[in-house]
Amino acid sequence: MKLQVSRWGNSLAVRLPVAYTRAAGLKEGDSVEASITSAGAINLAPERTFDKAAFLTRITKLHASMPMTAPVVETMRQEARY
């Protein structure tokens, strides 16, 4: 799709069609991360936020799934003794 670049204050802006914003899950006020490729293409992606609660849930489940074993230090000490 061809989009027009317009002036917005001292900057330039491109209006995003509603179909694009819906597909990307964007709404007014959201932040996006912009990057430029070596070919000069501009990429926009929704800003990813770090969800501490979700991370804690995943880590807790991972920790619960790991079996408790003997401490490695104790094993090494026992093997080193004659």
PDB file of N, CA and C in Angstrom:
ATOM      1  N   MET A   1       0.851  -1.167   0.000  1.00  0.00           N
ATOM      2  CA  MET A   1       0.000   0.000   0.000  1.00  0.00           C
ATOM      3  C   MET A   1       0.896   1.229   0.000  1.00  0.00           C
ATOM      4  N   LYS A   2       0.527   2.207  -0.779  1.00  0.00           N
ATOM      5  CA  LYS A   2       1.267   3.460  -0.871  1.00  0.00           C
ATOM      6  C   LYS A   2       0.671   4.443   0.122  1.00  0.00           C
ATOM      7  N   LEU A   3       1.523   5.007   1.005  1.00  0.00           N
ATOM      8  CA  LEU A   3       1.077   5.970   2.008  1.00  0.00           C
ATOM      9  C   LEU A   3       1.804   7.288   1.792  1.00  0.00           C
ATOM     10  N   GLN A   4       1.137   8.385   2.134  1.00  0.00           N
ATOM     11  CA  GLN A   4       1.716   9.710   1.946  1.00  0.00           C
ATOM     12  C   GLN A   4       2.384  10.195   3.228  1.00  0.00           C
ATOM     13  N   VAL A   5       3.562  10.790   3.077  1.00  0.00           N
ATOM     14  CA  VAL A   5       4.282  11.389   4.198  1.00  0.00           C
ATOM     15  C   VAL A   5       3.835  12.840   4.300  1.00  0.00           C
ATOM     16  N   SER A   6       3.424  13.259   5.506  1.00  0.00           N
ATOM     17  CA  SER A   6       2.928  14.621   5.729  1.00  0.00           C
ATOM     18  C   SER A   6       3.702  15.267   6.868  1.00  0.00           C
ATOM     19  N   ARG A   7       3.626  16.596   6.952  1.00  0.00           N
ATOM     20  CA  ARG A   7       4.279  17.324   8.030  1.00  0.00           C
ATOM     21  C   ARG A   7       3.379  17.314   9.257  1.00  0.00           C
ATOM     22  N   TRP A   8       4.003  17.099  10.422  1.00  0.00           N
ATOM     23  CA  TRP A   8       3.293  17.158  11.698  1.00  0.00           C
ATOM     24  C   TRP A   8       4.191  17.946  12.633  1.00  0.00           C
ATOM     25  N   GLY A   9       3.927  19.227  12.773  1.00  0.00           N
ATOM     26  CA  GLY A   9       4.823  20.110  13.521  1.00  0.00           C
ATOM     27  C   GLY A   9       6.133  20.226  12.769  1.00  0.00           C
ATOM     28  N   ASN A  10       7.249  19.971  13.449  1.00  0.00           N
ATOM     29  CA  ASN A  10       8.565  20.002  12.803  1.00  0.00           C
ATOM     30  C   ASN A  10       8.984  18.627  12.299  1.00  0.00           C
ATOM     31  N   SER A  11       8.122  17.643  12.428  1.00  0.00           N
ATOM     32  CA  SER A  11       8.452  16.272  12.039  1.00  0.00           C
ATOM     33  C   SER A  11       7.639  15.851  10.827  1.00  0.00           C
ATOM     34  N   LEU A  12       7.942  14.673  10.334  1.00  0.00           N
ATOM     35  CA  LEU A  12       7.156  14.063   9.266  1.00  0.00           C
ATOM     36  C   LEU A  12       6.382  12.896   9.852  1.00  0.00           C
ATOM     37  N   ALA A  13       5.223  12.626   9.290  1.00  0.00           N
ATOM     38  CA  ALA A  13       4.367  11.560   9.817  1.00  0.00           C
ATOM     39  C   ALA A  13       3.716  10.790   8.674  1.00  0.00           C
ATOM     40  N   VAL A  14       3.346   9.559   8.977  1.00  0.00           N
ATOM     41  CA  VAL A  14       2.600   8.709   8.047  1.00  0.00           C
ATOM     42  C   VAL A  14       1.373   8.221   8.789  1.00  0.00           C
ATOM     43  N   ARG A  15       0.210   8.364   8.191  1.00  0.00           N
ATOM     44  CA  ARG A  15      -1.024   7.851   8.801  1.00  0.00           C
ATOM     45  C   ARG A  15      -1.134   6.368   8.500  1.00  0.00           C
ATOM     46  N   LEU A  16      -1.446   5.614   9.532  1.00  0.00           N
ATOM     47  CA  LEU A  16      -1.597   4.168   9.368  1.00  0.00           C
ATOM     48  C   LEU A  16      -3.066   3.831   9.149  1.00  0.00           C
ATOM     49  N   PRO A  17      -3.376   3.058   8.132  1.00  0.00           N
ATOM     50  CA  PRO A  17      -4.764   2.658   7.903  1.00  0.00           C
ATOM     51  C   PRO A  17      -5.292   1.822   9.071  1.00  0.00           C
ATOM     52  N   VAL A  18      -6.582   1.933   9.325  1.00  0.00           N
ATOM     53  CA  VAL A  18      -7.198   1.230  10.449  1.00  0.00           C
ATOM     54  C   VAL A  18      -7.019  -0.285  10.330  1.00  0.00           C
ATOM     55  N   ALA A  19      -6.995  -0.807   9.123  1.00  0.00           N
ATOM     56  CA  ALA A  19      -6.797  -2.253   8.941  1.00  0.00           C
ATOM     57  C   ALA A  19      -5.422  -2.674   9.463  1.00  0.00           C
ATOM     58  N   TYR A  20      -4.417  -1.834   9.249  1.00  0.00           N
ATOM     59  CA  TYR A  20      -3.070  -2.134   9.737  1.00  0.00           C
ATOM     60  C   TYR A  20      -3.011  -2.068  11.256  1.00  0.00           C
ATOM     61  N   THR A  21      -3.622  -1.038  11.831  1.00  0.00           N
ATOM     62  CA  THR A  21      -3.572  -0.883  13.287  1.00  0.00           C
ATOM     63  C   THR A  21      -4.327  -2.009  13.983  1.00  0.00           C
ATOM     64  N   ARG A  22      -5.426  -2.430  13.404  1.00  0.00           N
ATOM     65  CA  ARG A  22      -6.178  -3.554  13.990  1.00  0.00           C
ATOM     66  C   ARG A  22      -5.373  -4.842  13.913  1.00  0.00           C
ATOM     67  N   ALA A  23      -4.741  -5.070  12.758  1.00  0.00           N
ATOM     68  CA  ALA A  23      -3.945  -6.288  12.583  1.00  0.00           C
ATOM     69  C   ALA A  23      -2.756  -6.319  13.545  1.00  0.00           C
ATOM     70  N   ALA A  24      -2.201  -5.143  13.846  1.00  0.00           N
ATOM     71  CA  ALA A  24      -1.056  -5.065  14.760  1.00  0.00           C
ATOM     72  C   ALA A  24      -1.490  -4.953  16.213  1.00  0.00           C
ATOM     73  N   GLY A  25      -2.794  -4.791  16.450  1.00  0.00           N
ATOM     74  CA  GLY A  25      -3.294  -4.660  17.816  1.00  0.00           C
ATOM     75  C   GLY A  25      -2.975  -3.315  18.440  1.00  0.00           C
ATOM     76  N   LEU A  26      -2.870  -2.279  17.621  1.00  0.00           N
ATOM     77  CA  LEU A  26      -2.547  -0.935  18.111  1.00  0.00           C
ATOM     78  C   LEU A  26      -3.804  -0.121  18.339  1.00  0.00           C
ATOM     79  N   LYS A  27      -3.717   0.766  19.331  1.00  0.00           N
ATOM     80  CA  LYS A  27      -4.797   1.726  19.557  1.00  0.00           C
ATOM     81  C   LYS A  27      -4.166   3.079  19.858  1.00  0.00           C
ATOM     82  N   GLU A  28      -4.949   4.111  19.845  1.00  0.00           N
ATOM     83  CA  GLU A  28      -4.433   5.460  20.070  1.00  0.00           C
ATOM     84  C   GLU A  28      -3.732   5.542  21.429  1.00  0.00           C
ATOM     85  N   GLY A  29      -2.554   6.128  21.436  1.00  0.00           N
ATOM     86  CA  GLY A  29      -1.784   6.273  22.666  1.00  0.00           C
ATOM     87  C   GLY A  29      -0.747   5.186  22.882  1.00  0.00           C
ATOM     88  N   ASP A  30      -0.810   4.092  22.110  1.00  0.00           N
ATOM     89  CA  ASP A  30       0.183   3.019  22.229  1.00  0.00           C
ATOM     90  C   ASP A  30       1.541   3.500  21.722  1.00  0.00           C
ATOM     91  N   SER A  31       2.594   2.862  22.196  1.00  0.00           N
ATOM     92  CA  SER A  31       3.949   3.153  21.725  1.00  0.00           C
ATOM     93  C   SER A  31       4.386   2.054  20.770  1.00  0.00           C
ATOM     94  N   VAL A  32       5.191   2.447  19.789  1.00  0.00           N
ATOM     95  CA  VAL A  32       5.756   1.483  18.849  1.00  0.00           C
ATOM     96  C   VAL A  32       7.269   1.646  18.840  1.00  0.00           C
ATOM     97  N   GLU A  33       7.957   0.576  18.499  1.00  0.00           N
ATOM     98  CA  GLU A  33       9.404   0.624  18.343  1.00  0.00           C
ATOM     99  C   GLU A  33       9.704   0.712  16.855  1.00  0.00           C
ATOM    100  N   ALA A  34      10.531   1.681  16.476  1.00  0.00           N
ATOM    101  CA  ALA A  34      10.886   1.885  15.077  1.00  0.00           C
ATOM    102  C   ALA A  34      12.333   1.479  14.861  1.00  0.00           C
ATOM    103  N   SER A  35      12.594   0.849  13.718  1.00  0.00           N
ATOM    104  CA  SER A  35      13.962   0.497  13.346  1.00  0.00           C
ATOM    105  C   SER A  35      14.112   0.677  11.842  1.00  0.00           C
ATOM    106  N   ILE A  36      15.347   0.900  11.434  1.00  0.00           N
ATOM    107  CA  ILE A  36      15.641   1.083  10.014  1.00  0.00           C
ATOM    108  C   ILE A  36      16.577  -0.038   9.580  1.00  0.00           C
ATOM    109  N   THR A  37      16.231  -0.696   8.488  1.00  0.00           N
ATOM    110  CA  THR A  37      17.068  -1.774   7.966  1.00  0.00           C
ATOM    111  C   THR A  37      18.200  -1.181   7.134  1.00  0.00           C
ATOM    112  N   SER A  38      19.174  -2.011   6.795  1.00  0.00           N
ATOM    113  CA  SER A  38      20.292  -1.545   5.970  1.00  0.00           C
ATOM    114  C   SER A  38      19.823  -1.142   4.577  1.00  0.00           C
ATOM    115  N   ALA A  39      18.685  -1.665   4.146  1.00  0.00           N
ATOM    116  CA  ALA A  39      18.129  -1.315   2.840  1.00  0.00           C
ATOM    117  C   ALA A  39      17.326  -0.019   2.891  1.00  0.00           C
ATOM    118  N   GLY A  40      17.184   0.576   4.089  1.00  0.00           N
ATOM    119  CA  GLY A  40      16.455   1.833   4.225  1.00  0.00           C
ATOM    120  C   GLY A  40      14.982   1.664   4.547  1.00  0.00           C
ATOM    121  N   ALA A  41      14.531   0.445   4.791  1.00  0.00           N
ATOM    122  CA  ALA A  41      13.127   0.211   5.136  1.00  0.00           C
ATOM    123  C   ALA A  41      12.896   0.565   6.601  1.00  0.00           C
ATOM    124  N   ILE A  42      11.760   1.161   6.886  1.00  0.00           N
ATOM    125  CA  ILE A  42      11.385   1.513   8.253  1.00  0.00           C
ATOM    126  C   ILE A  42      10.423   0.452   8.761  1.00  0.00           C
ATOM    127  N   ASN A  43      10.766  -0.172   9.880  1.00  0.00           N
ATOM    128  CA  ASN A  43       9.912  -1.191  10.492  1.00  0.00           C
ATOM    129  C   ASN A  43       9.320  -0.641  11.777  1.00  0.00           C
ATOM    130  N   LEU A  44       8.038  -0.847  11.967  1.00  0.00           N
ATOM    131  CA  LEU A  44       7.352  -0.465  13.197  1.00  0.00           C
ATOM    132  C   LEU A  44       6.809  -1.724  13.848  1.00  0.00           C
ATOM    133  N   ALA A  45       6.979  -1.831  15.163  1.00  0.00           N
ATOM    134  CA  ALA A  45       6.465  -2.984  15.904  1.00  0.00           C
ATOM    135  C   ALA A  45       5.884  -2.492  17.215  1.00  0.00           C
ATOM    136  N   PRO A  46       4.781  -3.090  17.673  1.00  0.00           N
ATOM    137  CA  PRO A  46       4.231  -2.694  18.973  1.00  0.00           C
ATOM    138  C   PRO A  46       5.292  -2.851  20.052  1.00  0.00           C
ATOM    139  N   GLU A  47       5.355  -1.891  20.958  1.00  0.00           N
ATOM    140  CA  GLU A  47       6.332  -1.951  22.041  1.00  0.00           C
ATOM    141  C   GLU A  47       5.989  -3.111  22.959  1.00  0.00           C
ATOM    142  N   ARG A  48       6.974  -3.929  23.231  1.00  0.00           N
ATOM    143  CA  ARG A  48       6.773  -5.075  24.112  1.00  0.00           C
ATOM    144  C   ARG A  48       7.077  -4.644  25.540  1.00  0.00           C
ATOM    145  N   THR A  49       6.134  -4.871  26.417  1.00  0.00           N
ATOM    146  CA  THR A  49       6.350  -4.531  27.820  1.00  0.00           C
ATOM    147  C   THR A  49       6.648  -5.811  28.588  1.00  0.00           C
ATOM    148  N   PHE A  50       7.443  -5.685  29.617  1.00  0.00           N
ATOM    149  CA  PHE A  50       7.817  -6.834  30.433  1.00  0.00           C
ATOM    150  C   PHE A  50       6.760  -7.026  31.507  1.00  0.00           C
ATOM    151  N   ASP A  51       6.106  -8.183  31.503  1.00  0.00           N
ATOM    152  CA  ASP A  51       5.061  -8.493  32.476  1.00  0.00           C
ATOM    153  C   ASP A  51       5.678  -9.306  33.611  1.00  0.00           C
ATOM    154  N   LYS A  52       5.934  -8.641  34.737  1.00  0.00           N
ATOM    155  CA  LYS A  52       6.584  -9.302  35.871  1.00  0.00           C
ATOM    156  C   LYS A  52       5.745 -10.453  36.420  1.00  0.00           C
ATOM    157  N   ALA A  53       4.431 -10.271  36.478  1.00  0.00           N
ATOM    158  CA  ALA A  53       3.560 -11.313  37.032  1.00  0.00           C
ATOM    159  C   ALA A  53       3.607 -12.574  36.169  1.00  0.00           C
ATOM    160  N   ALA A  54       3.553 -12.410  34.851  1.00  0.00           N
ATOM    161  CA  ALA A  54       3.608 -13.567  33.956  1.00  0.00           C
ATOM    162  C   ALA A  54       4.965 -14.254  34.043  1.00  0.00           C
ATOM    163  N   PHE A  55       6.031 -13.458  34.138  1.00  0.00           N
ATOM    164  CA  PHE A  55       7.374 -14.023  34.270  1.00  0.00           C
ATOM    165  C   PHE A  55       7.498 -14.825  35.559  1.00  0.00           C
ATOM    166  N   LEU A  56       6.999 -14.272  36.657  1.00  0.00           N
ATOM    167  CA  LEU A  56       7.055 -14.966  37.943  1.00  0.00           C
ATOM    168  C   LEU A  56       6.269 -16.272  37.896  1.00  0.00           C
ATOM    169  N   THR A  57       5.119 -16.266  37.241  1.00  0.00           N
ATOM    170  CA  THR A  57       4.307 -17.479  37.099  1.00  0.00           C
ATOM    171  C   THR A  57       5.071 -18.550  36.326  1.00  0.00           C
ATOM    172  N   ARG A  58       5.713 -18.157  35.206  1.00  0.00           N
ATOM    173  CA  ARG A  58       6.470 -19.121  34.403  1.00  0.00           C
ATOM    174  C   ARG A  58       7.649 -19.696  35.182  1.00  0.00           C
ATOM    175  N   ILE A  59       8.367 -18.839  35.898  1.00  0.00           N
ATOM    176  CA  ILE A  59       9.521 -19.300  36.673  1.00  0.00           C
ATOM    177  C   ILE A  59       9.082 -20.226  37.806  1.00  0.00           C
ATOM    178  N   THR A  60       7.977 -19.896  38.459  1.00  0.00           N
ATOM    179  CA  THR A  60       7.467 -20.732  39.550  1.00  0.00           C
ATOM    180  C   THR A  60       7.085 -22.115  39.032  1.00  0.00           C
ATOM    181  N   LYS A  61       6.415 -22.177  37.879  1.00  0.00           N
ATOM    182  CA  LYS A  61       6.050 -23.470  37.285  1.00  0.00           C
ATOM    183  C   LYS A  61       7.297 -24.265  36.898  1.00  0.00           C
ATOM    184  N   LEU A  62       8.294 -23.574  36.335  1.00  0.00           N
ATOM    185  CA  LEU A  62       9.532 -24.246  35.954  1.00  0.00           C
ATOM    186  C   LEU A  62      10.235 -24.802  37.185  1.00  0.00           C
ATOM    187  N   HIS A  63      10.309 -24.016  38.228  1.00  0.00           N
ATOM    188  CA  HIS A  63      10.964 -24.450  39.470  1.00  0.00           C
ATOM    189  C   HIS A  63      10.240 -25.656  40.071  1.00  0.00           C
ATOM    190  N   ALA A  64       8.908 -25.638  40.035  1.00  0.00           N
ATOM    191  CA  ALA A  64       8.126 -26.750  40.590  1.00  0.00           C
ATOM    192  C   ALA A  64       8.308 -28.028  39.775  1.00  0.00           C
ATOM    193  N   SER A  65       8.605 -27.895  38.477  1.00  0.00           N
ATOM    194  CA  SER A  65       8.748 -29.078  37.626  1.00  0.00           C
ATOM    195  C   SER A  65      10.116 -29.741  37.763  1.00  0.00           C
ATOM    196  N   MET A  66      11.068 -29.066  38.387  1.00  0.00           N
ATOM    197  CA  MET A  66      12.414 -29.629  38.531  1.00  0.00           C
ATOM    198  C   MET A  66      12.510 -30.458  39.808  1.00  0.00           C
ATOM    199  N   PRO A  67      13.016 -31.688  39.698  1.00  0.00           N
ATOM    200  CA  PRO A  67      13.136 -32.526  40.899  1.00  0.00           C
ATOM    201  C   PRO A  67      14.270 -32.020  41.794  1.00  0.00           C
ATOM    202  N   MET A  68      14.072 -32.163  43.087  1.00  0.00           N
ATOM    203  CA  MET A  68      15.119 -31.805  44.042  1.00  0.00           C
ATOM    204  C   MET A  68      16.149 -32.925  44.053  1.00  0.00           C
ATOM    205  N   THR A  69      17.407 -32.578  43.979  1.00  0.00           N
ATOM    206  CA  THR A  69      18.497 -33.554  43.996  1.00  0.00           C
ATOM    207  C   THR A  69      19.464 -33.205  45.119  1.00  0.00           C
ATOM    208  N   ALA A  70      20.384 -34.109  45.349  1.00  0.00           N
ATOM    209  CA  ALA A  70      21.394 -33.854  46.381  1.00  0.00           C
ATOM    210  C   ALA A  70      22.287 -32.701  45.930  1.00  0.00           C
ATOM    211  N   PRO A  71      22.752 -31.896  46.871  1.00  0.00           N
ATOM    212  CA  PRO A  71      23.640 -30.794  46.508  1.00  0.00           C
ATOM    213  C   PRO A  71      24.913 -31.309  45.836  1.00  0.00           C
ATOM    214  N   VAL A  72      25.355 -30.643  44.813  1.00  0.00           N
ATOM    215  CA  VAL A  72      26.540 -31.051  44.065  1.00  0.00           C
ATOM    216  C   VAL A  72      27.779 -31.007  44.950  1.00  0.00           C
ATOM    217  N   VAL A  73      27.869 -30.014  45.817  1.00  0.00           N
ATOM    218  CA  VAL A  73      29.038 -29.883  46.692  1.00  0.00           C
ATOM    219  C   VAL A  73      29.163 -31.105  47.592  1.00  0.00           C
ATOM    220  N   GLU A  74      28.054 -31.563  48.149  1.00  0.00           N
ATOM    221  CA  GLU A  74      28.096 -32.747  49.016  1.00  0.00           C
ATOM    222  C   GLU A  74      28.548 -33.974  48.236  1.00  0.00           C
ATOM    223  N   THR A  75      28.076 -34.142  47.020  1.00  0.00           N
ATOM    224  CA  THR A  75      28.474 -35.273  46.186  1.00  0.00           C
ATOM    225  C   THR A  75      29.971 -35.227  45.911  1.00  0.00           C
ATOM    226  N   MET A  76      30.485 -34.053  45.584  1.00  0.00           N
ATOM    227  CA  MET A  76      31.915 -33.911  45.307  1.00  0.00           C
ATOM    228  C   MET A  76      32.747 -34.203  46.554  1.00  0.00           C
ATOM    229  N   ARG A  77      32.285 -33.758  47.703  1.00  0.00           N
ATOM    230  CA  ARG A  77      33.018 -34.013  48.946  1.00  0.00           C
ATOM    231  C   ARG A  77      33.068 -35.509  49.256  1.00  0.00           C
ATOM    232  N   GLN A  78      31.960 -36.203  49.047  1.00  0.00           N
ATOM    233  CA  GLN A  78      31.915 -37.638  49.333  1.00  0.00           C
ATOM    234  C   GLN A  78      32.822 -38.406  48.380  1.00  0.00           C
ATOM    235  N   GLU A  79      32.883 -38.014  47.118  1.00  0.00           N
ATOM    236  CA  GLU A  79      33.727 -38.704  46.145  1.00  0.00           C
ATOM    237  C   GLU A  79      35.205 -38.421  46.387  1.00  0.00           C
ATOM    238  N   ALA A  80      35.527 -37.266  46.950  1.00  0.00           N
ATOM    239  CA  ALA A  80      36.925 -36.898  47.185  1.00  0.00           C
ATOM    240  C   ALA A  80      37.494 -37.608  48.405  1.00  0.00           C
ATOM    241  N   ARG A  81      36.631 -38.064  49.289  1.00  0.00           N
ATOM    242  CA  ARG A  81      37.102 -38.757  50.494  1.00  0.00           C
ATOM    243  C   ARG A  81      37.456 -40.198  50.158  1.00  0.00           C
ATOM    244  N   TYR A  82      38.442 -40.744  50.837  1.00  0.00           N
ATOM    245  CA  TYR A  82      38.883 -42.124  50.589  1.00  0.00           C
ATOM    246  C   TYR A  82      38.027 -43.111  51.311  1.00  0.00           C
TER     247      TYR A  82
END
